[in-house]
Amino acid sequence: METDWDQWKFWFDVSQWGVMVVLSVWIFIDKGRAKNSDAIEDVAMNQQTLDKRVLRLENKAATHEDIAKLTAEVEGLKSTLTRLTVTTDRIHDYLLNKKEG
């Protein structure tokens, strides 16, 4: 029985092509997984950054006491401005009604 080398070469080439196709598909899928992993890591890092920013914001946010103090200060300024307006109006009236002479 004589070996048919052309037939062996044909089947070897077919198997080689099959292995190459399987390997190509596997590499394509693996790269997709790697990209997905990188994207997930980026999202996780962004989430951690946002969590830190929210915690900082919550820790430094104004409390009811701070707002009450600011309200009291604004009321004090309002009172001072009212007195200043009254004084300015008096000076204005005096200057308008002042008789020259």
Protein backbone atom coordinates (compact mmCIF):
# COMPACT_ATOMS: atom_id res chain seq x y z
CA MET A 1 0.00 0.00 0.00
CA GLU A 2 1.50 3.20 -1.18
CA THR A 3 1.04 6.52 0.70
CA ASP A 4 -0.73 9.24 -1.24
CA TRP A 5 1.22 12.36 -0.25
CA ASP A 6 -1.02 14.73 -2.16
CA GLN A 7 -3.98 13.61 -0.10
CA TRP A 8 -1.99 14.01 3.12
CA LYS A 9 -0.90 17.48 2.05
CA PHE A 10 -4.50 18.43 1.27
CA TRP A 11 -5.77 17.30 4.68
CA PHE A 12 -2.83 18.93 6.40
CA ASP A 13 -3.63 22.22 4.64
CA VAL A 14 -7.32 21.92 5.57
CA SER A 15 -6.44 21.24 9.21
CA GLN A 16 -3.96 24.14 9.19
CA TRP A 17 -6.66 26.48 7.86
CA GLY A 18 -9.09 25.19 10.48
CA VAL A 19 -6.60 25.83 13.27
CA MET A 20 -5.89 29.33 11.93
CA VAL A 21 -9.61 30.18 11.74
CA VAL A 22 -10.23 28.91 15.28
CA LEU A 23 -7.17 30.79 16.54
CA SER A 24 -8.29 34.00 14.80
CA VAL A 25 -11.78 33.77 16.29
CA TRP A 26 -10.34 33.09 19.73
CA ILE A 27 -7.99 36.11 19.48
CA PHE A 28 -10.87 38.33 18.30
CA ILE A 29 -13.03 37.28 21.25
CA ASP A 30 -10.13 37.63 23.70
CA LYS A 31 -9.38 41.19 22.53
CA GLY A 32 -13.06 42.04 22.95
CA ARG A 33 -12.95 40.74 26.50
CA ALA A 34 -9.81 42.76 27.22
CA LYS A 35 -11.46 45.92 25.89
CA ASN A 36 -14.54 45.24 28.00
CA SER A 37 -12.37 44.68 31.06
CA ASP A 38 -10.57 47.98 30.46
CA ALA A 39 -13.87 49.79 30.00
CA ILE A 40 -15.25 48.27 33.21
CA GLU A 41 -12.12 49.31 35.11
CA ASP A 42 -12.46 52.86 33.77
CA VAL A 43 -16.09 53.01 34.87
CA ALA A 44 -15.15 51.66 38.30
CA MET A 45 -12.41 54.28 38.68
CA ASN A 46 -14.81 57.05 37.62
CA GLN A 47 -17.36 55.76 40.12
CA GLN A 48 -14.77 55.81 42.91
CA THR A 49 -13.78 59.36 41.98
CA LEU A 50 -17.40 60.46 42.04
CA ASP A 51 -17.94 58.74 45.39
CA LYS A 52 -14.98 60.61 46.86
CA ARG A 53 -16.25 63.92 45.48
CA VAL A 54 -19.75 63.32 46.88
CA LEU A 55 -18.32 62.44 50.30
CA ARG A 56 -16.20 65.60 50.30
CA LEU A 57 -19.22 67.64 49.30
CA GLU A 58 -21.36 66.08 52.01
CA ASN A 59 -18.69 66.70 54.64
CA LYS A 60 -18.24 70.35 53.67
CA ALA A 61 -21.86 71.22 52.94
CA ALA A 62 -23.50 73.99 54.95
CA THR A 63 -25.46 72.85 57.99
CA HIS A 64 -28.62 74.38 59.44
CA GLU A 65 -26.47 76.19 61.99
CA ASP A 66 -24.32 77.74 59.24
CA ILE A 67 -27.40 78.90 57.37
CA ALA A 68 -28.88 80.34 60.58
CA LYS A 69 -25.66 82.30 61.19
CA LEU A 70 -25.70 83.64 57.64
CA THR A 71 -29.35 84.62 58.00
CA ALA A 72 -28.54 86.53 61.20
CA GLU A 73 -25.64 88.32 59.49
CA VAL A 74 -27.85 89.26 56.54
CA GLU A 75 -30.50 90.62 58.91
CA GLY A 76 -27.82 92.70 60.65
CA LEU A 77 -26.65 94.09 57.31
CA LYS A 78 -30.24 94.82 56.34
CA SER A 79 -30.75 96.78 59.57
CA THR A 80 -27.55 98.75 59.00
CA LEU A 81 -28.53 99.55 55.41
CA THR A 82 -31.97 100.72 56.55
CA ARG A 83 -30.37 103.15 59.03
CA LEU A 84 -27.93 104.33 56.37
CA THR A 85 -30.82 104.91 53.95
CA VAL A 86 -32.66 106.98 56.55
CA THR A 87 -29.55 109.06 57.21
CA THR A 88 -28.95 109.56 53.49
CA ASP A 89 -32.57 110.64 53.01
CA ARG A 90 -32.21 113.20 55.82
CA ILE A 91 -29.05 114.63 54.27
CA HIS A 92 -30.80 114.74 50.90
CA ASP A 93 -33.81 116.56 52.32
CA TYR A 94 -31.59 118.99 54.20
CA LEU A 95 -29.61 119.83 51.09
CA LEU A 96 -32.77 120.30 49.02
CA ASN A 97 -34.51 122.49 51.59
CA LYS A 98 -31.50 124.49 52.70
CA LYS A 99 -32.00 128.14 52.00
CA GLU A 100 -29.11 129.97 50.64
CA GLY A 101 -28.38 133.04 52.40
